[in-house]
Amino acid sequence: MKETYRPTDAVLPDQFLDLTRGRASTFFGDGCAAHVSLAHPVSGILLDALEGAGRDEGAVLHRGGVYLCMEGPQFSTKAESLLYRSWGVDVLGMTNATEAKLCREAEIAYASMALVTDYDCWHEEEGAVTVETILDVLRKNAGTANRVLASAVRRLDPSRPAPEHEALKYAVLTRREDVPEATRERLALLLERYWR
């Protein structure tokens, strides 16, 4: 969504706008209310690892920025693309925002490496986005992603706790005994350690 981000560049977004409509974006409901903080939806520990790995692997990397998650599977109209640019978003895609929400509720540290494939349809000199063009750039991006992710994993210290690993500690508002049995069973993997 910005001319400074070229196809095959990698962006490490640290904020999300979620414009999806048809996706489950929470594990809760059905008699159990919980509210996790998403002010900072991305793990700083994981961002540091991705940034260091990306630099070591020679990726053209941009740390930070806003990722706008649209519903898809269609690409943007030109009017939508121009609107998103006016909002100042950095990258646009069809994943990430919902994933970030679910990971936070599951107490999983989350980060994303957005690999730029095109300028969307706002950039008239670049022509319309086609699947063929995107697939060609995706192949190149896959090599970058494989190298950077392998290097990033080696940088992580499994003994270093991430704050995201306790996101539910004070988030659940419903008392265990007030949660319907079926919901309690469904959420046991996430909540049993707090309900003991």
C-alpha atoms as a PDB file:
ATOM      1  CA  MET A   1       0.000   0.000   0.000  1.00  0.00           C
ATOM      2  CA  LYS A   2       3.081   2.239  -0.020  1.00  0.00           C
ATOM      3  CA  GLU A   3       5.514   2.871  -2.845  1.00  0.00           C
ATOM      4  CA  THR A   4       8.444   2.346  -0.486  1.00  0.00           C
ATOM      5  CA  TYR A   5       7.420  -1.320  -0.051  1.00  0.00           C
ATOM      6  CA  ARG A   6       8.333  -3.123  -3.235  1.00  0.00           C
ATOM      7  CA  PRO A   7       7.350  -6.644  -4.329  1.00  0.00           C
ATOM      8  CA  THR A   8       9.552  -9.224  -2.529  1.00  0.00           C
ATOM      9  CA  ASP A   9      10.142  -6.855   0.440  1.00  0.00           C
ATOM     10  CA  ALA A  10       9.162  -8.185   3.868  1.00  0.00           C
ATOM     11  CA  VAL A  11       7.084  -6.142   6.320  1.00  0.00           C
ATOM     12  CA  LEU A  12       6.834  -7.026  10.014  1.00  0.00           C
ATOM     13  CA  PRO A  13       3.512  -5.417  10.945  1.00  0.00           C
ATOM     14  CA  ASP A  14       2.832  -4.610  14.585  1.00  0.00           C
ATOM     15  CA  GLN A  15      -0.793  -3.475  14.262  1.00  0.00           C
ATOM     16  CA  PHE A  16      -3.876  -4.806  12.475  1.00  0.00           C
ATOM     17  CA  LEU A  17      -7.156  -3.507  11.105  1.00  0.00           C
ATOM     18  CA  ASP A  18      -9.683  -6.324  10.769  1.00  0.00           C
ATOM     19  CA  LEU A  19     -12.302  -5.840   8.058  1.00  0.00           C
ATOM     20  CA  THR A  20     -13.289  -9.497   7.930  1.00  0.00           C
ATOM     21  CA  ARG A  21     -16.930 -10.452   8.438  1.00  0.00           C
ATOM     22  CA  GLY A  22     -17.393 -14.188   8.101  1.00  0.00           C
ATOM     23  CA  ARG A  23     -14.659 -15.655  10.308  1.00  0.00           C
ATOM     24  CA  ALA A  24     -14.677 -16.894  13.864  1.00  0.00           C
ATOM     25  CA  SER A  25     -12.465 -14.463  15.761  1.00  0.00           C
ATOM     26  CA  THR A  26     -12.871 -15.755  19.321  1.00  0.00           C
ATOM     27  CA  PHE A  27     -12.932 -19.016  21.243  1.00  0.00           C
ATOM     28  CA  PHE A  28     -15.328 -17.498  23.767  1.00  0.00           C
ATOM     29  CA  GLY A  29     -19.065 -16.943  23.905  1.00  0.00           C
ATOM     30  CA  ASP A  30     -21.617 -19.688  24.561  1.00  0.00           C
ATOM     31  CA  GLY A  31     -21.827 -18.687  28.223  1.00  0.00           C
ATOM     32  CA  CYS A  32     -18.219 -17.692  28.849  1.00  0.00           C
ATOM     33  CA  ALA A  33     -17.050 -14.087  28.485  1.00  0.00           C
ATOM     34  CA  ALA A  34     -13.383 -13.153  28.227  1.00  0.00           C
ATOM     35  CA  HIS A  35     -11.622  -9.997  27.082  1.00  0.00           C
ATOM     36  CA  VAL A  36      -7.916 -10.121  26.210  1.00  0.00           C
ATOM     37  CA  SER A  37      -5.847  -7.042  25.457  1.00  0.00           C
ATOM     38  CA  LEU A  38      -4.938  -6.504  21.815  1.00  0.00           C
ATOM     39  CA  ALA A  39      -3.421  -3.035  22.161  1.00  0.00           C
ATOM     40  CA  HIS A  40      -0.127  -4.607  21.115  1.00  0.00           C
ATOM     41  CA  PRO A  41      -1.171  -7.700  19.132  1.00  0.00           C
ATOM     42  CA  VAL A  42       2.332  -8.765  18.117  1.00  0.00           C
ATOM     43  CA  SER A  43       5.026 -10.336  20.284  1.00  0.00           C
ATOM     44  CA  GLY A  44       8.089  -8.132  20.649  1.00  0.00           C
ATOM     45  CA  ILE A  45      10.207 -11.226  21.257  1.00  0.00           C
ATOM     46  CA  LEU A  46       9.123 -12.754  17.950  1.00  0.00           C
ATOM     47  CA  LEU A  47       9.474  -9.453  16.083  1.00  0.00           C
ATOM     48  CA  ASP A  48      13.058  -9.128  17.322  1.00  0.00           C
ATOM     49  CA  ALA A  49      13.835 -12.667  16.152  1.00  0.00           C
ATOM     50  CA  LEU A  50      12.261 -12.099  12.719  1.00  0.00           C
ATOM     51  CA  GLU A  51      13.977  -8.757  12.264  1.00  0.00           C
ATOM     52  CA  GLY A  52      17.414 -10.115  13.176  1.00  0.00           C
ATOM     53  CA  ALA A  53      16.939 -13.168  10.997  1.00  0.00           C
ATOM     54  CA  GLY A  54      15.684 -11.097   8.084  1.00  0.00           C
ATOM     55  CA  ARG A  55      18.711  -8.810   8.240  1.00  0.00           C
ATOM     56  CA  ASP A  56      21.083 -11.806   8.455  1.00  0.00           C
ATOM     57  CA  GLU A  57      19.408 -13.435   5.453  1.00  0.00           C
ATOM     58  CA  GLY A  58      19.604 -10.286   3.334  1.00  0.00           C
ATOM     59  CA  ALA A  59      15.861  -9.647   3.151  1.00  0.00           C
ATOM     60  CA  VAL A  60      14.683  -6.114   2.449  1.00  0.00           C
ATOM     61  CA  LEU A  61      12.833  -5.652   5.707  1.00  0.00           C
ATOM     62  CA  HIS A  62      10.507  -3.014   7.169  1.00  0.00           C
ATOM     63  CA  ARG A  63       9.705  -3.317  10.883  1.00  0.00           C
ATOM     64  CA  GLY A  64       6.361  -2.056  12.133  1.00  0.00           C
ATOM     65  CA  GLY A  65       3.276  -0.875  10.338  1.00  0.00           C
ATOM     66  CA  VAL A  66      -0.416  -1.533   9.974  1.00  0.00           C
ATOM     67  CA  TYR A  67      -1.707  -4.655   8.233  1.00  0.00           C
ATOM     68  CA  LEU A  68      -5.266  -4.307   6.949  1.00  0.00           C
ATOM     69  CA  CYS A  69      -7.015  -7.667   6.778  1.00  0.00           C
ATOM     70  CA  MET A  70      -9.789  -7.800   4.203  1.00  0.00           C
ATOM     71  CA  GLU A  71     -12.288 -10.598   3.722  1.00  0.00           C
ATOM     72  CA  GLY A  72     -11.380 -11.805   0.235  1.00  0.00           C
ATOM     73  CA  PRO A  73     -11.159 -13.997  -1.737  1.00  0.00           C
ATOM     74  CA  GLN A  74     -11.608 -11.189  -4.268  1.00  0.00           C
ATOM     75  CA  PHE A  75      -8.955  -8.505  -4.604  1.00  0.00           C
ATOM     76  CA  SER A  76      -9.795  -4.878  -3.763  1.00  0.00           C
ATOM     77  CA  THR A  77     -11.757  -2.543  -5.961  1.00  0.00           C
ATOM     78  CA  LYS A  78      -9.838   0.594  -6.874  1.00  0.00           C
ATOM     79  CA  ALA A  79     -12.103   2.627  -4.554  1.00  0.00           C
ATOM     80  CA  GLU A  80     -11.322   0.283  -1.657  1.00  0.00           C
ATOM     81  CA  SER A  81      -7.607   0.373  -2.407  1.00  0.00           C
ATOM     82  CA  LEU A  82      -7.565   4.172  -2.424  1.00  0.00           C
ATOM     83  CA  LEU A  83      -9.575   4.277   0.825  1.00  0.00           C
ATOM     84  CA  TYR A  84      -7.117   1.940   2.551  1.00  0.00           C
ATOM     85  CA  ARG A  85      -4.212   4.103   1.391  1.00  0.00           C
ATOM     86  CA  SER A  86      -5.932   7.195   2.781  1.00  0.00           C
ATOM     87  CA  TRP A  87      -6.066   5.413   6.149  1.00  0.00           C
ATOM     88  CA  GLY A  88      -2.283   5.078   6.081  1.00  0.00           C
ATOM     89  CA  VAL A  89      -2.128   1.282   6.151  1.00  0.00           C
ATOM     90  CA  ASP A  90       1.174  -0.290   5.204  1.00  0.00           C
ATOM     91  CA  VAL A  91       0.160  -3.674   3.811  1.00  0.00           C
ATOM     92  CA  LEU A  92      -3.044  -5.403   2.816  1.00  0.00           C
ATOM     93  CA  GLY A  93      -3.904  -9.087   2.942  1.00  0.00           C
ATOM     94  CA  MET A  94      -6.528 -11.703   3.724  1.00  0.00           C
ATOM     95  CA  THR A  95      -5.029 -13.329   6.845  1.00  0.00           C
ATOM     96  CA  ASN A  96      -3.289 -12.231  10.059  1.00  0.00           C
ATOM     97  CA  ALA A  97      -5.821 -10.127  12.005  1.00  0.00           C
ATOM     98  CA  THR A  98      -8.103 -12.999  12.981  1.00  0.00           C
ATOM     99  CA  GLU A  99      -5.073 -15.199  13.598  1.00  0.00           C
ATOM    100  CA  ALA A 100      -3.605 -12.593  15.959  1.00  0.00           C
ATOM    101  CA  LYS A 101      -6.842 -12.470  17.966  1.00  0.00           C
ATOM    102  CA  LEU A 102      -7.132 -16.244  18.275  1.00  0.00           C
ATOM    103  CA  CYS A 103      -3.463 -16.628  19.166  1.00  0.00           C
ATOM    104  CA  ARG A 104      -3.796 -14.069  21.966  1.00  0.00           C
ATOM    105  CA  GLU A 105      -6.817 -15.911  23.374  1.00  0.00           C
ATOM    106  CA  ALA A 106      -4.869 -19.177  23.161  1.00  0.00           C
ATOM    107  CA  GLU A 107      -1.897 -17.512  24.913  1.00  0.00           C
ATOM    108  CA  ILE A 108       0.354 -18.034  21.897  1.00  0.00           C
ATOM    109  CA  ALA A 109       2.916 -15.344  21.114  1.00  0.00           C
ATOM    110  CA  TYR A 110       2.259 -14.122  17.563  1.00  0.00           C
ATOM    111  CA  ALA A 111       4.114 -12.243  14.851  1.00  0.00           C
ATOM    112  CA  SER A 112       3.740 -12.063  11.112  1.00  0.00           C
ATOM    113  CA  MET A 113       6.068 -11.522   8.213  1.00  0.00           C
ATOM    114  CA  ALA A 114       4.090 -10.009   5.345  1.00  0.00           C
ATOM    115  CA  LEU A 115       5.835 -10.606   2.037  1.00  0.00           C
ATOM    116  CA  VAL A 116       4.882  -7.954  -0.505  1.00  0.00           C
ATOM    117  CA  THR A 117       3.560  -9.335  -3.788  1.00  0.00           C
ATOM    118  CA  ASP A 118       2.152  -6.237  -5.525  1.00  0.00           C
ATOM    119  CA  TYR A 119       0.984  -2.640  -5.147  1.00  0.00           C
ATOM    120  CA  ASP A 120      -2.728  -3.461  -5.269  1.00  0.00           C
ATOM    121  CA  CYS A 121      -4.795  -1.625  -7.861  1.00  0.00           C
ATOM    122  CA  TRP A 122      -4.169   1.925  -6.539  1.00  0.00           C
ATOM    123  CA  HIS A 123      -0.795   2.094  -8.329  1.00  0.00           C
ATOM    124  CA  GLU A 124      -1.834   2.776 -11.924  1.00  0.00           C
ATOM    125  CA  GLU A 125       1.676   2.573 -13.396  1.00  0.00           C
ATOM    126  CA  GLU A 126       1.956  -1.015 -12.164  1.00  0.00           C
ATOM    127  CA  GLY A 127      -1.241  -2.217 -13.842  1.00  0.00           C
ATOM    128  CA  ALA A 128      -3.968  -4.381 -12.388  1.00  0.00           C
ATOM    129  CA  VAL A 129      -3.172  -7.157  -9.964  1.00  0.00           C
ATOM    130  CA  THR A 130      -3.304 -10.568 -11.633  1.00  0.00           C
ATOM    131  CA  VAL A 131      -3.031 -14.014 -10.127  1.00  0.00           C
ATOM    132  CA  GLU A 132      -0.186 -14.858 -12.529  1.00  0.00           C
ATOM    133  CA  THR A 133       1.908 -11.886 -11.357  1.00  0.00           C
ATOM    134  CA  ILE A 134       1.265 -12.649  -7.710  1.00  0.00           C
ATOM    135  CA  LEU A 135       2.174 -16.335  -8.111  1.00  0.00           C
ATOM    136  CA  ASP A 136       5.525 -15.433  -9.670  1.00  0.00           C
ATOM    137  CA  VAL A 137       6.411 -13.112  -6.771  1.00  0.00           C
ATOM    138  CA  LEU A 138       5.051 -15.643  -4.259  1.00  0.00           C
ATOM    139  CA  ARG A 139       7.587 -18.200  -5.454  1.00  0.00           C
ATOM    140  CA  LYS A 140      10.405 -15.748  -4.770  1.00  0.00           C
ATOM    141  CA  ASN A 141       8.896 -14.775  -1.419  1.00  0.00           C
ATOM    142  CA  ALA A 142       8.644 -18.429  -0.361  1.00  0.00           C
ATOM    143  CA  GLY A 143      12.415 -18.793  -0.529  1.00  0.00           C
ATOM    144  CA  THR A 144      12.881 -15.679   1.608  1.00  0.00           C
ATOM    145  CA  ALA A 145      10.273 -16.874   4.107  1.00  0.00           C
ATOM    146  CA  ASN A 146      11.878 -20.294   4.489  1.00  0.00           C
ATOM    147  CA  ARG A 147      15.330 -18.836   5.140  1.00  0.00           C
ATOM    148  CA  VAL A 148      14.148 -16.125   7.542  1.00  0.00           C
ATOM    149  CA  LEU A 149      11.852 -18.398   9.555  1.00  0.00           C
ATOM    150  CA  ALA A 150      14.527 -21.077   9.972  1.00  0.00           C
ATOM    151  CA  SER A 151      16.978 -18.456  11.182  1.00  0.00           C
ATOM    152  CA  ALA A 152      14.395 -16.802  13.474  1.00  0.00           C
ATOM    153  CA  VAL A 153      13.570 -20.103  15.207  1.00  0.00           C
ATOM    154  CA  ARG A 154      17.253 -20.618  16.009  1.00  0.00           C
ATOM    155  CA  ARG A 155      17.313 -17.187  17.687  1.00  0.00           C
ATOM    156  CA  LEU A 156      14.494 -17.951  20.140  1.00  0.00           C
ATOM    157  CA  ASP A 157      15.204 -18.861  23.754  1.00  0.00           C
ATOM    158  CA  PRO A 158      12.541 -21.394  24.826  1.00  0.00           C
ATOM    159  CA  SER A 159      13.213 -20.599  28.496  1.00  0.00           C
ATOM    160  CA  ARG A 160      12.295 -16.927  28.031  1.00  0.00           C
ATOM    161  CA  PRO A 161       8.602 -16.474  28.837  1.00  0.00           C
ATOM    162  CA  ALA A 162       6.542 -14.154  26.681  1.00  0.00           C
ATOM    163  CA  PRO A 163       3.863 -11.964  28.284  1.00  0.00           C
ATOM    164  CA  GLU A 164       1.347 -13.335  25.767  1.00  0.00           C
ATOM    165  CA  HIS A 165       1.611 -16.724  27.490  1.00  0.00           C
ATOM    166  CA  GLU A 166      -0.551 -15.401  30.341  1.00  0.00           C
ATOM    167  CA  ALA A 167      -3.070 -13.365  28.349  1.00  0.00           C
ATOM    168  CA  LEU A 168      -6.053 -15.133  29.933  1.00  0.00           C
ATOM    169  CA  LYS A 169      -4.879 -14.792  33.524  1.00  0.00           C
ATOM    170  CA  TYR A 170      -7.338 -11.970  34.299  1.00  0.00           C
ATOM    171  CA  ALA A 171      -9.375 -11.984  31.077  1.00  0.00           C
ATOM    172  CA  VAL A 172     -12.198 -14.414  31.908  1.00  0.00           C
ATOM    173  CA  LEU A 173     -15.181 -12.634  33.440  1.00  0.00           C
ATOM    174  CA  THR A 174     -17.479 -15.631  33.910  1.00  0.00           C
ATOM    175  CA  ARG A 175     -17.087 -17.794  37.005  1.00  0.00           C
ATOM    176  CA  ARG A 176     -16.227 -21.398  36.189  1.00  0.00           C
ATOM    177  CA  GLU A 177     -19.383 -22.700  37.863  1.00  0.00           C
ATOM    178  CA  ASP A 178     -21.526 -20.388  35.702  1.00  0.00           C
ATOM    179  CA  VAL A 179     -20.088 -21.634  32.397  1.00  0.00           C
ATOM    180  CA  PRO A 180     -22.259 -24.292  30.689  1.00  0.00           C
ATOM    181  CA  GLU A 181     -20.690 -27.759  30.811  1.00  0.00           C
ATOM    182  CA  ALA A 182     -20.321 -28.054  27.012  1.00  0.00           C
ATOM    183  CA  THR A 183     -18.525 -24.696  26.860  1.00  0.00           C
ATOM    184  CA  ARG A 184     -16.343 -25.630  29.824  1.00  0.00           C
ATOM    185  CA  GLU A 185     -15.281 -28.821  28.039  1.00  0.00           C
ATOM    186  CA  ARG A 186     -14.600 -26.928  24.800  1.00  0.00           C
ATOM    187  CA  LEU A 187     -12.458 -24.334  26.600  1.00  0.00           C
ATOM    188  CA  ALA A 188     -10.677 -26.746  28.951  1.00  0.00           C
ATOM    189  CA  LEU A 189      -7.451 -26.686  26.948  1.00  0.00           C
ATOM    190  CA  LEU A 190      -7.271 -22.899  27.312  1.00  0.00           C
ATOM    191  CA  LEU A 191      -8.659 -22.433  30.809  1.00  0.00           C
ATOM    192  CA  GLU A 192      -8.129 -25.545  32.916  1.00  0.00           C
ATOM    193  CA  ARG A 193      -4.941 -24.202  34.503  1.00  0.00           C
ATOM    194  CA  TYR A 194      -6.837 -21.130  35.702  1.00  0.00           C
ATOM    195  CA  TRP A 195      -9.899 -23.085  36.826  1.00  0.00           C
ATOM    196  CA  ARG A 196      -7.998 -25.579  39.020  1.00  0.00           C
END
